[in-house]
Amino acid sequence: MCGILKEFIRKEMAVNAAIFNGKASMTSVEIAELVGSRHDKVKQSIERLAERRIIQLPPNGDF
């Protein structure tokens, strides 16, 4: 499991998540701020996780 995802899970109780299609979701900017990482690196991780079908991107592709 990637480090960013582990950190996200560890801090999930502090997350103010929006609801998308009945599931909790966050923007890549919110994740970057939460885990203290650069936004571009978070986007790269999100793209890798989506390619591996670990996570699902929203229909419009904005994250």
PDB file of N, CA and C in Angstrom:
ATOM      1  N   MET A   1       0.853  -1.175   0.000  1.00  0.00           N
ATOM      2  CA  MET A   1       0.000   0.000   0.000  1.00  0.00           C
ATOM      3  C   MET A   1       0.897   1.235   0.000  1.00  0.00           C
ATOM      4  N   CYS A   2       0.584   2.239  -0.826  1.00  0.00           N
ATOM      5  CA  CYS A   2       1.447   3.411  -0.931  1.00  0.00           C
ATOM      6  C   CYS A   2       1.390   4.248   0.344  1.00  0.00           C
ATOM      7  N   GLY A   3       2.471   4.964   0.607  1.00  0.00           N
ATOM      8  CA  GLY A   3       2.594   5.749   1.829  1.00  0.00           C
ATOM      9  C   GLY A   3       1.499   6.785   2.002  1.00  0.00           C
ATOM     10  N   ILE A   4       1.122   7.439   0.905  1.00  0.00           N
ATOM     11  CA  ILE A   4       0.076   8.459   0.987  1.00  0.00           C
ATOM     12  C   ILE A   4      -1.239   7.826   1.420  1.00  0.00           C
ATOM     13  N   LEU A   5      -1.552   6.667   0.870  1.00  0.00           N
ATOM     14  CA  LEU A   5      -2.797   5.997   1.240  1.00  0.00           C
ATOM     15  C   LEU A   5      -2.771   5.553   2.696  1.00  0.00           C
ATOM     16  N   LYS A   6      -1.641   5.037   3.160  1.00  0.00           N
ATOM     17  CA  LYS A   6      -1.518   4.642   4.567  1.00  0.00           C
ATOM     18  C   LYS A   6      -1.741   5.845   5.479  1.00  0.00           C
ATOM     19  N   GLU A   7      -1.137   6.970   5.130  1.00  0.00           N
ATOM     20  CA  GLU A   7      -1.288   8.181   5.939  1.00  0.00           C
ATOM     21  C   GLU A   7      -2.739   8.651   5.932  1.00  0.00           C
ATOM     22  N   PHE A   8      -3.377   8.569   4.781  1.00  0.00           N
ATOM     23  CA  PHE A   8      -4.782   8.951   4.677  1.00  0.00           C
ATOM     24  C   PHE A   8      -5.644   8.092   5.594  1.00  0.00           C
ATOM     25  N   ILE A   9      -5.439   6.793   5.552  1.00  0.00           N
ATOM     26  CA  ILE A   9      -6.220   5.881   6.391  1.00  0.00           C
ATOM     27  C   ILE A   9      -5.979   6.172   7.863  1.00  0.00           C
ATOM     28  N   ARG A  10      -4.722   6.431   8.222  1.00  0.00           N
ATOM     29  CA  ARG A  10      -4.376   6.702   9.614  1.00  0.00           C
ATOM     30  C   ARG A  10      -5.075   7.958  10.131  1.00  0.00           C
ATOM     31  N   LYS A  11      -5.268   8.930   9.255  1.00  0.00           N
ATOM     32  CA  LYS A  11      -5.864  10.195   9.678  1.00  0.00           C
ATOM     33  C   LYS A  11      -7.341  10.320   9.307  1.00  0.00           C
ATOM     34  N   GLU A  12      -7.960   9.247   8.861  1.00  0.00           N
ATOM     35  CA  GLU A  12      -9.306   9.358   8.317  1.00  0.00           C
ATOM     36  C   GLU A  12     -10.328   9.929   9.290  1.00  0.00           C
ATOM     37  N   MET A  13     -10.129   9.780  10.582  1.00  0.00           N
ATOM     38  CA  MET A  13     -11.078  10.332  11.542  1.00  0.00           C
ATOM     39  C   MET A  13     -11.081  11.857  11.516  1.00  0.00           C
ATOM     40  N   ALA A  14     -10.008  12.456  11.011  1.00  0.00           N
ATOM     41  CA  ALA A  14      -9.910  13.912  10.950  1.00  0.00           C
ATOM     42  C   ALA A  14     -10.406  14.468   9.618  1.00  0.00           C
ATOM     43  N   VAL A  15     -10.853  13.612   8.753  1.00  0.00           N
ATOM     44  CA  VAL A  15     -11.228  14.021   7.401  1.00  0.00           C
ATOM     45  C   VAL A  15     -12.648  14.577   7.371  1.00  0.00           C
ATOM     46  N   ASN A  16     -12.789  15.725   6.716  1.00  0.00           N
ATOM     47  CA  ASN A  16     -14.115  16.282   6.465  1.00  0.00           C
ATOM     48  C   ASN A  16     -14.439  15.933   5.016  1.00  0.00           C
ATOM     49  N   ALA A  17     -15.030  14.740   4.799  1.00  0.00           N
ATOM     50  CA  ALA A  17     -15.222  14.206   3.448  1.00  0.00           C
ATOM     51  C   ALA A  17     -16.540  14.666   2.849  1.00  0.00           C
ATOM     52  N   ALA A  18     -16.514  14.900   1.548  1.00  0.00           N
ATOM     53  CA  ALA A  18     -17.736  15.182   0.792  1.00  0.00           C
ATOM     54  C   ALA A  18     -18.330  13.848   0.359  1.00  0.00           C
ATOM     55  N   ILE A  19     -19.590  13.871  -0.013  1.00  0.00           N
ATOM     56  CA  ILE A  19     -20.235  12.640  -0.466  1.00  0.00           C
ATOM     57  C   ILE A  19     -20.393  12.705  -1.985  1.00  0.00           C
ATOM     58  N   PHE A  20     -19.895  11.676  -2.663  1.00  0.00           N
ATOM     59  CA  PHE A  20     -20.009  11.565  -4.115  1.00  0.00           C
ATOM     60  C   PHE A  20     -20.601  10.201  -4.423  1.00  0.00           C
ATOM     61  N   ASN A  21     -21.799  10.204  -4.972  1.00  0.00           N
ATOM     62  CA  ASN A  21     -22.445   8.944  -5.358  1.00  0.00           C
ATOM     63  C   ASN A  21     -22.577   7.985  -4.175  1.00  0.00           C
ATOM     64  N   GLY A  22     -22.845   8.528  -2.993  1.00  0.00           N
ATOM     65  CA  GLY A  22     -23.025   7.691  -1.816  1.00  0.00           C
ATOM     66  C   GLY A  22     -21.742   7.221  -1.166  1.00  0.00           C
ATOM     67  N   LYS A  23     -20.590   7.684  -1.667  1.00  0.00           N
ATOM     68  CA  LYS A  23     -19.300   7.274  -1.116  1.00  0.00           C
ATOM     69  C   LYS A  23     -18.513   8.511  -0.696  1.00  0.00           C
ATOM     70  N   ALA A  24     -17.724   8.359   0.366  1.00  0.00           N
ATOM     71  CA  ALA A  24     -16.876   9.463   0.806  1.00  0.00           C
ATOM     72  C   ALA A  24     -15.827   9.738  -0.259  1.00  0.00           C
ATOM     73  N   SER A  25     -15.578  11.001  -0.519  1.00  0.00           N
ATOM     74  CA  SER A  25     -14.565  11.367  -1.506  1.00  0.00           C
ATOM     75  C   SER A  25     -13.862  12.645  -1.074  1.00  0.00           C
ATOM     76  N   MET A  26     -12.677  12.842  -1.601  1.00  0.00           N
ATOM     77  CA  MET A  26     -11.884  14.040  -1.316  1.00  0.00           C
ATOM     78  C   MET A  26     -11.213  14.482  -2.602  1.00  0.00           C
ATOM     79  N   THR A  27     -10.883  15.768  -2.681  1.00  0.00           N
ATOM     80  CA  THR A  27     -10.105  16.245  -3.816  1.00  0.00           C
ATOM     81  C   THR A  27      -8.633  15.939  -3.573  1.00  0.00           C
ATOM     82  N   SER A  28      -7.864  15.960  -4.639  1.00  0.00           N
ATOM     83  CA  SER A  28      -6.427  15.723  -4.509  1.00  0.00           C
ATOM     84  C   SER A  28      -5.763  16.820  -3.678  1.00  0.00           C
ATOM     85  N   VAL A  29      -6.288  18.030  -3.746  1.00  0.00           N
ATOM     86  CA  VAL A  29      -5.747  19.129  -2.935  1.00  0.00           C
ATOM     87  C   VAL A  29      -5.985  18.847  -1.451  1.00  0.00           C
ATOM     88  N   GLU A  30      -7.191  18.374  -1.106  1.00  0.00           N
ATOM     89  CA  GLU A  30      -7.491  18.039   0.291  1.00  0.00           C
ATOM     90  C   GLU A  30      -6.581  16.927   0.800  1.00  0.00           C
ATOM     91  N   ILE A  31      -6.329  15.922  -0.034  1.00  0.00           N
ATOM     92  CA  ILE A  31      -5.443  14.830   0.373  1.00  0.00           C
ATOM     93  C   ILE A  31      -4.029  15.353   0.586  1.00  0.00           C
ATOM     94  N   ALA A  32      -3.539  16.188  -0.339  1.00  0.00           N
ATOM     95  CA  ALA A  32      -2.187  16.746  -0.217  1.00  0.00           C
ATOM     96  C   ALA A  32      -2.040  17.537   1.077  1.00  0.00           C
ATOM     97  N   GLU A  33      -3.033  18.347   1.398  1.00  0.00           N
ATOM     98  CA  GLU A  33      -2.987  19.128   2.638  1.00  0.00           C
ATOM     99  C   GLU A  33      -3.037  18.219   3.861  1.00  0.00           C
ATOM    100  N   LEU A  34      -3.866  17.194   3.810  1.00  0.00           N
ATOM    101  CA  LEU A  34      -4.027  16.282   4.935  1.00  0.00           C
ATOM    102  C   LEU A  34      -2.732  15.548   5.265  1.00  0.00           C
ATOM    103  N   VAL A  35      -2.045  15.065   4.237  1.00  0.00           N
ATOM    104  CA  VAL A  35      -0.853  14.255   4.479  1.00  0.00           C
ATOM    105  C   VAL A  35       0.447  15.042   4.368  1.00  0.00           C
ATOM    106  N   GLY A  36       0.359  16.332   4.036  1.00  0.00           N
ATOM    107  CA  GLY A  36       1.559  17.163   3.967  1.00  0.00           C
ATOM    108  C   GLY A  36       2.461  16.829   2.793  1.00  0.00           C
ATOM    109  N   SER A  37       1.851  16.481   1.654  1.00  0.00           N
ATOM    110  CA  SER A  37       2.620  16.157   0.448  1.00  0.00           C
ATOM    111  C   SER A  37       2.347  17.182  -0.641  1.00  0.00           C
ATOM    112  N   ARG A  38       3.246  17.206  -1.628  1.00  0.00           N
ATOM    113  CA  ARG A  38       3.041  18.091  -2.772  1.00  0.00           C
ATOM    114  C   ARG A  38       1.857  17.593  -3.589  1.00  0.00           C
ATOM    115  N   HIS A  39       1.068  18.552  -4.101  1.00  0.00           N
ATOM    116  CA  HIS A  39      -0.130  18.210  -4.859  1.00  0.00           C
ATOM    117  C   HIS A  39       0.199  17.391  -6.105  1.00  0.00           C
ATOM    118  N   ASP A  40       1.264  17.728  -6.820  1.00  0.00           N
ATOM    119  CA  ASP A  40       1.597  16.982  -8.036  1.00  0.00           C
ATOM    120  C   ASP A  40       1.948  15.528  -7.735  1.00  0.00           C
ATOM    121  N   LYS A  41       2.582  15.289  -6.589  1.00  0.00           N
ATOM    122  CA  LYS A  41       2.929  13.915  -6.196  1.00  0.00           C
ATOM    123  C   LYS A  41       1.675  13.129  -5.809  1.00  0.00           C
ATOM    124  N   VAL A  42       0.733  13.802  -5.156  1.00  0.00           N
ATOM    125  CA  VAL A  42      -0.535  13.154  -4.800  1.00  0.00           C
ATOM    126  C   VAL A  42      -1.290  12.770  -6.075  1.00  0.00           C
ATOM    127  N   LYS A  43      -1.317  13.672  -7.065  1.00  0.00           N
ATOM    128  CA  LYS A  43      -1.998  13.364  -8.326  1.00  0.00           C
ATOM    129  C   LYS A  43      -1.356  12.164  -9.019  1.00  0.00           C
ATOM    130  N   GLN A  44      -0.025  12.073  -8.987  1.00  0.00           N
ATOM    131  CA  GLN A  44       0.660  10.915  -9.579  1.00  0.00           C
ATOM    132  C   GLN A  44       0.238   9.628  -8.874  1.00  0.00           C
ATOM    133  N   SER A  45       0.168   9.682  -7.548  1.00  0.00           N
ATOM    134  CA  SER A  45      -0.246   8.499  -6.781  1.00  0.00           C
ATOM    135  C   SER A  45      -1.686   8.114  -7.101  1.00  0.00           C
ATOM    136  N   ILE A  46      -2.549   9.102  -7.217  1.00  0.00           N
ATOM    137  CA  ILE A  46      -3.950   8.847  -7.548  1.00  0.00           C
ATOM    138  C   ILE A  46      -4.051   8.178  -8.916  1.00  0.00           C
ATOM    139  N   GLU A  47      -3.298   8.685  -9.891  1.00  0.00           N
ATOM    140  CA  GLU A  47      -3.323   8.101 -11.231  1.00  0.00           C
ATOM    141  C   GLU A  47      -2.843   6.650 -11.208  1.00  0.00           C
ATOM    142  N   ARG A  48      -1.775   6.366 -10.452  1.00  0.00           N
ATOM    143  CA  ARG A  48      -1.277   4.987 -10.340  1.00  0.00           C
ATOM    144  C   ARG A  48      -2.321   4.079  -9.690  1.00  0.00           C
ATOM    145  N   LEU A  49      -2.951   4.559  -8.608  1.00  0.00           N
ATOM    146  CA  LEU A  49      -3.969   3.757  -7.923  1.00  0.00           C
ATOM    147  C   LEU A  49      -5.171   3.493  -8.833  1.00  0.00           C
ATOM    148  N   ALA A  50      -5.549   4.489  -9.631  1.00  0.00           N
ATOM    149  CA  ALA A  50      -6.670   4.312 -10.562  1.00  0.00           C
ATOM    150  C   ALA A  50      -6.301   3.318 -11.665  1.00  0.00           C
ATOM    151  N   GLU A  51      -5.067   3.401 -12.187  1.00  0.00           N
ATOM    152  CA  GLU A  51      -4.625   2.460 -13.222  1.00  0.00           C
ATOM    153  C   GLU A  51      -4.651   1.025 -12.711  1.00  0.00           C
ATOM    154  N   ARG A  52      -4.329   0.851 -11.433  1.00  0.00           N
ATOM    155  CA  ARG A  52      -4.320  -0.488 -10.823  1.00  0.00           C
ATOM    156  C   ARG A  52      -5.710  -0.907 -10.340  1.00  0.00           C
ATOM    157  N   ARG A  53      -6.695  -0.034 -10.556  1.00  0.00           N
ATOM    158  CA  ARG A  53      -8.093  -0.273 -10.159  1.00  0.00           C
ATOM    159  C   ARG A  53      -8.257  -0.449  -8.648  1.00  0.00           C
ATOM    160  N   ILE A  54      -7.390   0.241  -7.898  1.00  0.00           N
ATOM    161  CA  ILE A  54      -7.493   0.237  -6.438  1.00  0.00           C
ATOM    162  C   ILE A  54      -8.514   1.280  -6.005  1.00  0.00           C
ATOM    163  N   ILE A  55      -8.538   2.392  -6.743  1.00  0.00           N
ATOM    164  CA  ILE A  55      -9.531   3.437  -6.504  1.00  0.00           C
ATOM    165  C   ILE A  55     -10.225   3.733  -7.822  1.00  0.00           C
ATOM    166  N   GLN A  56     -11.331   4.450  -7.738  1.00  0.00           N
ATOM    167  CA  GLN A  56     -12.088   4.813  -8.928  1.00  0.00           C
ATOM    168  C   GLN A  56     -12.161   6.331  -9.008  1.00  0.00           C
ATOM    169  N   LEU A  57     -11.850   6.874 -10.180  1.00  0.00           N
ATOM    170  CA  LEU A  57     -11.934   8.313 -10.383  1.00  0.00           C
ATOM    171  C   LEU A  57     -13.377   8.712 -10.653  1.00  0.00           C
ATOM    172  N   PRO A  58     -13.736   9.972 -10.347  1.00  0.00           N
ATOM    173  CA  PRO A  58     -15.090  10.434 -10.660  1.00  0.00           C
ATOM    174  C   PRO A  58     -15.302  10.446 -12.179  1.00  0.00           C
ATOM    175  N   PRO A  59     -16.549  10.363 -12.630  1.00  0.00           N
ATOM    176  CA  PRO A  59     -16.839  10.286 -14.069  1.00  0.00           C
ATOM    177  C   PRO A  59     -16.233  11.428 -14.889  1.00  0.00           C
ATOM    178  N   ASN A  60     -16.181  12.633 -14.327  1.00  0.00           N
ATOM    179  CA  ASN A  60     -15.645  13.766 -15.081  1.00  0.00           C
ATOM    180  C   ASN A  60     -14.117  13.786 -15.103  1.00  0.00           C
ATOM    181  N   GLY A  61     -13.479  12.904 -14.348  1.00  0.00           N
ATOM    182  CA  GLY A  61     -12.024  12.802 -14.348  1.00  0.00           C
ATOM    183  C   GLY A  61     -11.314  13.841 -13.511  1.00  0.00           C
ATOM    184  N   ASP A  62     -12.063  14.782 -12.932  1.00  0.00           N
ATOM    185  CA  ASP A  62     -11.444  15.804 -12.077  1.00  0.00           C
ATOM    186  C   ASP A  62     -11.154  15.228 -10.708  1.00  0.00           C
ATOM    187  N   PHE A  63      -9.927  15.387 -10.267  1.00  0.00           N
ATOM    188  CA  PHE A  63      -9.558  14.953  -8.933  1.00  0.00           C
ATOM    189  C   PHE A  63      -8.568  15.896  -8.440  1.00  0.00           C
TER     190      PHE A  63
END
